[in-house]
């Protein structure tokens, strides 16, 4: 394990269904006392399961949950940790060395954040699997201001489903945004890169984590992405627009499906249209009523 002191932060909501896989995999990587569960008043016994696993539990009102603000609570409660590892409740670490390999990237004193490779969950379909293969390749990399011209918006790609941060740097830069629809990880990565720090992608640190979104969920998710990009327009101004990366994804997906499951190509094309429509509507969110935004968003509780 890294010589740096490490703590793990996991926001949860009714995680009992994931617990039998999630907790044993986590306990192969860290001691129970290194884990903080931020539970949003689950009703399925999640908090009790966490305590039985030896984890520390801090409960918050479900209405107070926010992707950035809740994770920042964890950072503030764990002042003794030099590195904060963030997981989601459905991210199952692939082996006993996953967290150690992720945190080894901090041997470079200029790396301020790192994220691991997310593999398709067992039984994932071809569309779901391709999204993971595309966004989380088999080769590690380090990104910085020097790579911005070549990598564009990908420079600040990171995922708090399996990530780690130098706590001191996180706090010095103001911590995670306390009120954001989501994307608190990307926003922090952007601030870190602009401040001269590096972001590491560690392909050897792996977790099983993917989602089989419906067409409606894809639309709503991309509405939220569009809203985020409008509200935090500095990210696109500093690192470039997402259009080129989107085109590359679609071409990659079509080639992958042609090889793996050609029958899904039609569905993939429909999804692409819905994603584009959702994104464009999200960028127009300032013209929509709160009621419409709640209907269109994957996170309706954000719009108040």
Protein backbone atom coordinates (compact mmCIF):
# COMPACT_ATOMS: atom_id res chain seq x y z
CA UNK A 1 0.00 0.00 0.00
CA UNK A 2 1.11 3.59 -0.66
CA UNK A 3 3.07 5.27 2.14
CA UNK A 4 0.52 8.08 2.03
CA UNK A 5 -2.39 7.79 4.47
CA UNK A 6 -5.53 6.80 2.58
CA UNK A 7 -9.25 7.03 3.31
CA UNK A 8 -12.13 5.79 1.16
CA UNK A 9 -15.38 7.74 0.75
CA UNK A 10 -18.56 6.05 -0.52
CA UNK A 11 -21.90 7.87 -0.90
CA UNK A 12 -24.75 5.35 -0.57
CA UNK A 13 -28.50 5.18 -1.03
CA UNK A 14 -30.22 1.81 -0.55
CA UNK A 15 -27.05 -0.11 -1.41
CA UNK A 16 -28.04 -3.44 0.18
CA UNK A 17 -28.49 -5.06 -3.22
CA UNK A 18 -24.88 -4.26 -4.16
CA UNK A 19 -23.35 -4.98 -0.75
CA UNK A 20 -22.54 -8.69 -1.14
CA UNK A 21 -20.16 -7.88 -4.01
CA UNK A 22 -19.09 -4.35 -3.12
CA UNK A 23 -17.97 -4.71 0.51
CA UNK A 24 -15.82 -7.88 0.24
CA UNK A 25 -13.97 -6.45 -2.77
CA UNK A 26 -13.31 -3.20 -0.89
CA UNK A 27 -12.10 -5.06 2.20
CA UNK A 28 -9.51 -6.85 0.08
CA UNK A 29 -7.97 -3.42 -0.53
CA UNK A 30 -8.24 -1.43 2.73
CA UNK A 31 -8.89 -1.83 6.43
CA UNK A 32 -12.49 -1.25 7.60
CA UNK A 33 -11.48 1.81 9.64
CA UNK A 34 -10.27 3.51 6.46
CA UNK A 35 -13.79 3.62 4.96
CA UNK A 36 -16.37 6.37 5.42
CA UNK A 37 -19.92 5.69 4.22
CA UNK A 38 -22.01 8.79 3.51
CA UNK A 39 -25.51 7.36 3.64
CA UNK A 40 -28.56 9.29 2.44
CA UNK A 41 -30.96 7.80 5.01
CA UNK A 42 -31.30 4.45 3.26
CA UNK A 43 -34.39 2.40 4.08
CA UNK A 44 -32.96 -1.03 3.22
CA UNK A 45 -30.46 -1.42 6.06
CA UNK A 46 -27.43 -0.06 4.23
CA UNK A 47 -26.14 1.81 7.28
CA UNK A 48 -26.42 -1.31 9.43
CA UNK A 49 -24.58 -3.40 6.82
CA UNK A 50 -21.83 -0.79 6.69
CA UNK A 51 -21.39 -0.80 10.46
CA UNK A 52 -21.31 -4.60 10.48
CA UNK A 53 -18.47 -4.38 7.93
CA UNK A 54 -16.58 -2.14 10.34
CA UNK A 55 -17.03 1.04 8.29
CA UNK A 56 -17.64 4.47 9.71
CA UNK A 57 -21.10 5.81 8.81
CA UNK A 58 -22.15 9.43 8.50
CA UNK A 59 -25.79 9.98 7.62
CA UNK A 60 -27.22 12.91 5.68
CA UNK A 61 -30.79 13.80 4.77
CA UNK A 62 -31.73 12.49 1.36
CA UNK A 63 -32.90 15.97 0.40
CA UNK A 64 -29.42 17.32 1.18
CA UNK A 65 -27.57 14.98 -1.21
CA UNK A 66 -25.56 16.67 -3.91
CA UNK A 67 -22.87 15.02 -6.02
CA UNK A 68 -20.25 17.61 -5.15
CA UNK A 69 -21.44 18.81 -1.76
CA UNK A 70 -21.82 15.33 -0.28
CA UNK A 71 -18.37 14.25 -1.43
CA UNK A 72 -16.95 17.47 0.01
CA UNK A 73 -18.46 16.52 3.37
CA UNK A 74 -16.33 13.38 3.22
CA UNK A 75 -13.21 15.42 2.48
CA UNK A 76 -13.89 17.66 5.47
CA UNK A 77 -14.54 14.76 7.84
CA UNK A 78 -11.30 12.99 6.90
CA UNK A 79 -8.72 15.61 7.69
CA UNK A 80 -6.16 12.98 8.68
CA UNK A 81 -6.01 11.44 5.20
CA UNK A 82 -3.44 12.51 2.61
CA UNK A 83 -5.27 10.77 -0.23
CA UNK A 84 -9.03 10.44 -0.58
CA UNK A 85 -10.34 7.54 -2.68
CA UNK A 86 -13.90 7.91 -3.96
CA UNK A 87 -16.10 5.00 -4.99
CA UNK A 88 -19.75 4.59 -5.85
CA UNK A 89 -21.75 1.79 -4.22
CA UNK A 90 -21.98 -0.22 -7.45
CA UNK A 91 -18.28 -0.04 -8.36
CA UNK A 92 -16.82 -3.45 -7.49
CA UNK A 93 -13.03 -3.44 -7.25
CA UNK A 94 -11.54 -6.04 -9.57
CA UNK A 95 -8.80 -7.37 -7.27
CA UNK A 96 -6.87 -6.86 -4.06
CA UNK A 97 -4.39 -4.41 -5.60
CA UNK A 98 -6.80 -1.99 -7.24
CA UNK A 99 -6.53 0.86 -4.74
CA UNK A 100 -2.80 0.36 -4.19
CA UNK A 101 -2.11 0.68 -7.92
CA UNK A 102 -4.36 3.74 -8.19
CA UNK A 103 -2.62 5.51 -5.31
CA UNK A 104 0.86 4.60 -6.59
CA UNK A 105 0.38 7.35 -9.20
CA UNK A 106 0.90 9.91 -6.41
CA UNK A 107 4.58 8.99 -6.33
CA UNK A 108 4.75 11.74 -8.95
CA UNK A 109 4.51 14.86 -6.76
CA UNK A 110 2.70 16.75 -9.52
CA UNK A 111 -0.18 14.25 -9.81
CA UNK A 112 -3.11 15.67 -7.87
CA UNK A 113 -5.84 13.25 -8.95
CA UNK A 114 -6.09 9.80 -10.49
CA UNK A 115 -8.82 7.51 -11.72
CA UNK A 116 -8.97 3.85 -12.52
CA UNK A 117 -10.24 1.75 -15.36
CA UNK A 118 -13.94 0.86 -15.29
CA UNK A 119 -14.78 -2.50 -16.83
CA UNK A 120 -18.23 -3.60 -18.02
CA UNK A 121 -20.20 -5.34 -15.30
CA UNK A 122 -20.78 -9.09 -15.81
CA UNK A 123 -23.55 -9.64 -18.33
CA UNK A 124 -23.30 -6.17 -19.88
CA UNK A 125 -24.60 -5.83 -23.44
CA UNK A 126 -22.54 -4.64 -26.39
CA UNK A 127 -23.64 -0.97 -26.23
CA UNK A 128 -22.91 -0.82 -22.51
CA UNK A 129 -19.57 -2.61 -22.93
CA UNK A 130 -18.37 -0.39 -25.76
CA UNK A 131 -18.88 2.74 -23.66
CA UNK A 132 -16.46 1.33 -21.10
CA UNK A 133 -13.88 0.13 -23.64
CA UNK A 134 -13.94 3.54 -25.36
CA UNK A 135 -13.71 5.74 -22.26
CA UNK A 136 -11.37 3.49 -20.26
CA UNK A 137 -8.67 2.07 -22.54
CA UNK A 138 -6.04 -0.50 -21.57
CA UNK A 139 -3.15 2.00 -21.62
CA UNK A 140 -2.43 4.38 -18.74
CA UNK A 141 -1.76 8.08 -19.35
CA UNK A 142 -1.04 11.35 -17.58
CA UNK A 143 -2.75 14.58 -18.63
CA UNK A 144 -1.77 18.18 -18.02
CA UNK A 145 -1.80 21.65 -19.59
CA UNK A 146 0.92 20.42 -21.92
CA UNK A 147 -1.42 17.77 -23.37
CA UNK A 148 -4.48 20.04 -23.65
CA UNK A 149 -3.98 20.88 -27.31
CA UNK A 150 -3.91 17.22 -28.36
CA UNK A 151 -6.52 15.85 -25.94
CA UNK A 152 -8.99 18.72 -25.69
CA UNK A 153 -11.87 18.13 -23.28
CA UNK A 154 -10.54 14.62 -22.62
CA UNK A 155 -7.72 16.28 -20.67
CA UNK A 156 -10.03 16.71 -17.68
CA UNK A 157 -12.01 13.48 -17.97
CA UNK A 158 -12.22 11.69 -14.62
CA UNK A 159 -14.85 9.66 -12.78
CA UNK A 160 -15.60 9.66 -9.07
CA UNK A 161 -16.96 6.13 -9.41
CA UNK A 162 -13.32 5.14 -8.86
CA UNK A 163 -10.92 8.01 -8.29
CA UNK A 164 -8.40 9.44 -5.83
CA UNK A 165 -7.30 12.97 -4.90
CA UNK A 166 -4.54 14.60 -2.89
CA UNK A 167 -6.65 16.02 -0.11
CA UNK A 168 -4.44 19.04 0.47
CA UNK A 169 -4.66 20.12 -3.17
CA UNK A 170 -8.39 19.41 -3.29
CA UNK A 171 -8.96 21.68 -0.30
CA UNK A 172 -6.57 24.41 -1.45
CA UNK A 173 -8.54 24.68 -4.70
CA UNK A 174 -11.82 25.08 -2.87
CA UNK A 175 -13.00 21.48 -2.79
CA UNK A 176 -15.76 19.96 -4.88
CA UNK A 177 -18.46 22.30 -6.10
CA UNK A 178 -21.18 22.20 -3.46
CA UNK A 179 -24.13 22.71 -5.78
CA UNK A 180 -23.82 21.07 -9.16
CA UNK A 181 -26.09 18.77 -11.11
CA UNK A 182 -23.13 16.38 -11.42
CA UNK A 183 -19.65 16.57 -12.95
CA UNK A 184 -18.00 17.67 -9.70
CA UNK A 185 -15.11 15.38 -10.63
CA UNK A 186 -14.53 16.94 -14.06
CA UNK A 187 -14.81 20.46 -12.66
CA UNK A 188 -12.19 19.72 -10.00
CA UNK A 189 -9.91 18.06 -12.56
CA UNK A 190 -10.20 21.17 -14.73
CA UNK A 191 -9.27 23.48 -11.86
CA UNK A 192 -6.35 21.24 -10.97
CA UNK A 193 -4.98 21.19 -14.52
CA UNK A 194 -5.34 24.97 -14.89
CA UNK A 195 -3.41 25.33 -11.62
CA UNK A 196 -0.52 23.31 -13.10
CA UNK A 197 -1.27 19.86 -11.67
CA UNK A 198 -1.50 16.53 -13.51
CA UNK A 199 -4.33 13.97 -13.77
CA UNK A 200 -3.37 10.29 -14.00
CA UNK A 201 -5.40 7.55 -15.64
CA UNK A 202 -4.31 4.21 -14.18
CA UNK A 203 -5.48 1.37 -16.40
CA UNK A 204 -4.01 -1.25 -14.05
CA UNK A 205 -6.38 -0.14 -11.25
CA UNK A 206 -9.73 -1.65 -12.17
CA UNK A 207 -13.33 -1.85 -11.03
CA UNK A 208 -16.44 -3.39 -12.56
CA UNK A 209 -18.89 -0.56 -13.13
CA UNK A 210 -21.28 0.14 -16.00
CA UNK A 211 -24.92 0.95 -16.64
CA UNK A 212 -27.45 -0.39 -19.13
CA UNK A 213 -29.29 2.88 -19.73
CA UNK A 214 -32.64 2.97 -21.49
CA UNK A 215 -33.25 5.40 -24.35
CA UNK A 216 -35.03 7.73 -21.94
CA UNK A 217 -32.19 7.58 -19.42
CA UNK A 218 -29.64 8.37 -22.14
CA UNK A 219 -31.69 11.42 -23.18
CA UNK A 220 -31.99 12.65 -19.61
CA UNK A 221 -28.32 12.05 -18.85
CA UNK A 222 -27.26 14.11 -21.87
CA UNK A 223 -29.71 16.84 -20.93
CA UNK A 224 -27.77 17.11 -17.67
CA UNK A 225 -24.43 17.14 -19.50
CA UNK A 226 -25.65 19.97 -21.71
CA UNK A 227 -26.87 21.88 -18.65
CA UNK A 228 -23.53 21.38 -16.92
CA UNK A 229 -21.60 22.62 -19.96
CA UNK A 230 -23.78 25.73 -20.13
CA UNK A 231 -23.53 26.47 -16.41
CA UNK A 232 -19.78 25.77 -16.32
CA UNK A 233 -18.91 27.13 -19.75
CA UNK A 234 -15.30 27.77 -18.70
CA UNK A 235 -14.56 24.05 -19.17
CA UNK A 236 -15.33 24.19 -22.89
CA UNK A 237 -13.64 27.57 -23.26
CA UNK A 238 -10.43 26.27 -21.67
CA UNK A 239 -10.34 22.72 -23.03
CA UNK A 240 -12.38 22.74 -26.22
CA UNK A 241 -15.85 21.59 -27.16
CA UNK A 242 -17.01 17.97 -26.95
CA UNK A 243 -18.19 17.60 -30.55
CA UNK A 244 -15.04 15.95 -31.93
CA UNK A 245 -14.94 13.41 -29.14
CA UNK A 246 -18.63 12.65 -29.66
CA UNK A 247 -18.10 11.93 -33.35
CA UNK A 248 -15.17 9.66 -32.56
CA UNK A 249 -17.33 7.78 -30.04
CA UNK A 250 -20.15 7.20 -32.55
CA UNK A 251 -17.81 5.88 -35.24
CA UNK A 252 -16.09 3.62 -32.72
CA UNK A 253 -19.43 2.34 -31.44
CA UNK A 254 -20.73 1.50 -34.90
CA UNK A 255 -17.55 -0.42 -35.72
CA UNK A 256 -17.70 -2.27 -32.41
CA UNK A 257 -21.36 -3.23 -32.86
CA UNK A 258 -20.75 -4.36 -36.43
CA UNK A 259 -18.25 -6.87 -35.06
CA UNK A 260 -20.05 -7.84 -31.84
CA UNK A 261 -23.81 -7.44 -32.31
CA UNK A 262 -24.93 -5.81 -35.55
CA UNK A 263 -28.57 -6.08 -34.53
CA UNK A 264 -28.01 -3.24 -32.06
CA UNK A 265 -26.83 -0.71 -34.65
CA UNK A 266 -30.34 0.70 -35.13
CA UNK A 267 -30.77 1.15 -31.40
CA UNK A 268 -27.37 2.83 -31.18
CA UNK A 269 -28.31 5.32 -33.90
CA UNK A 270 -31.56 6.18 -32.12
CA UNK A 271 -29.61 6.66 -28.90
CA UNK A 272 -27.18 8.97 -30.67
CA UNK A 273 -30.05 11.15 -31.85
CA UNK A 274 -31.61 11.23 -28.38
CA UNK A 275 -28.29 12.09 -26.76
CA UNK A 276 -27.77 14.97 -29.18
CA UNK A 277 -31.30 16.25 -28.62
CA UNK A 278 -30.91 15.97 -24.85
CA UNK A 279 -27.58 17.79 -24.92
CA UNK A 280 -28.91 20.63 -27.04
CA UNK A 281 -31.94 21.04 -24.77
CA UNK A 282 -29.65 21.01 -21.74
CA UNK A 283 -27.66 23.87 -23.19
CA UNK A 284 -30.96 25.78 -23.43
CA UNK A 285 -31.98 25.02 -19.82
CA UNK A 286 -31.99 28.71 -18.92
CA UNK A 287 -34.99 29.15 -21.20
CA UNK A 288 -36.98 26.32 -19.63
CA UNK A 289 -39.23 26.38 -16.58
CA UNK A 290 -38.18 24.53 -13.45
CA UNK A 291 -41.02 22.09 -14.09
CA UNK A 292 -39.71 21.20 -17.54
CA UNK A 293 -36.16 20.87 -16.29
CA UNK A 294 -37.30 18.44 -13.61
CA UNK A 295 -39.11 16.38 -16.26
CA UNK A 296 -36.11 16.27 -18.60
CA UNK A 297 -33.29 15.74 -16.09
CA UNK A 298 -31.86 12.55 -14.63
CA UNK A 299 -31.43 14.51 -11.39
CA UNK A 300 -34.77 16.30 -10.92
CA UNK A 301 -34.00 17.06 -7.27
CA UNK A 302 -31.29 19.47 -8.40
CA UNK A 303 -33.81 21.82 -9.95
CA UNK A 304 -35.51 23.70 -7.14
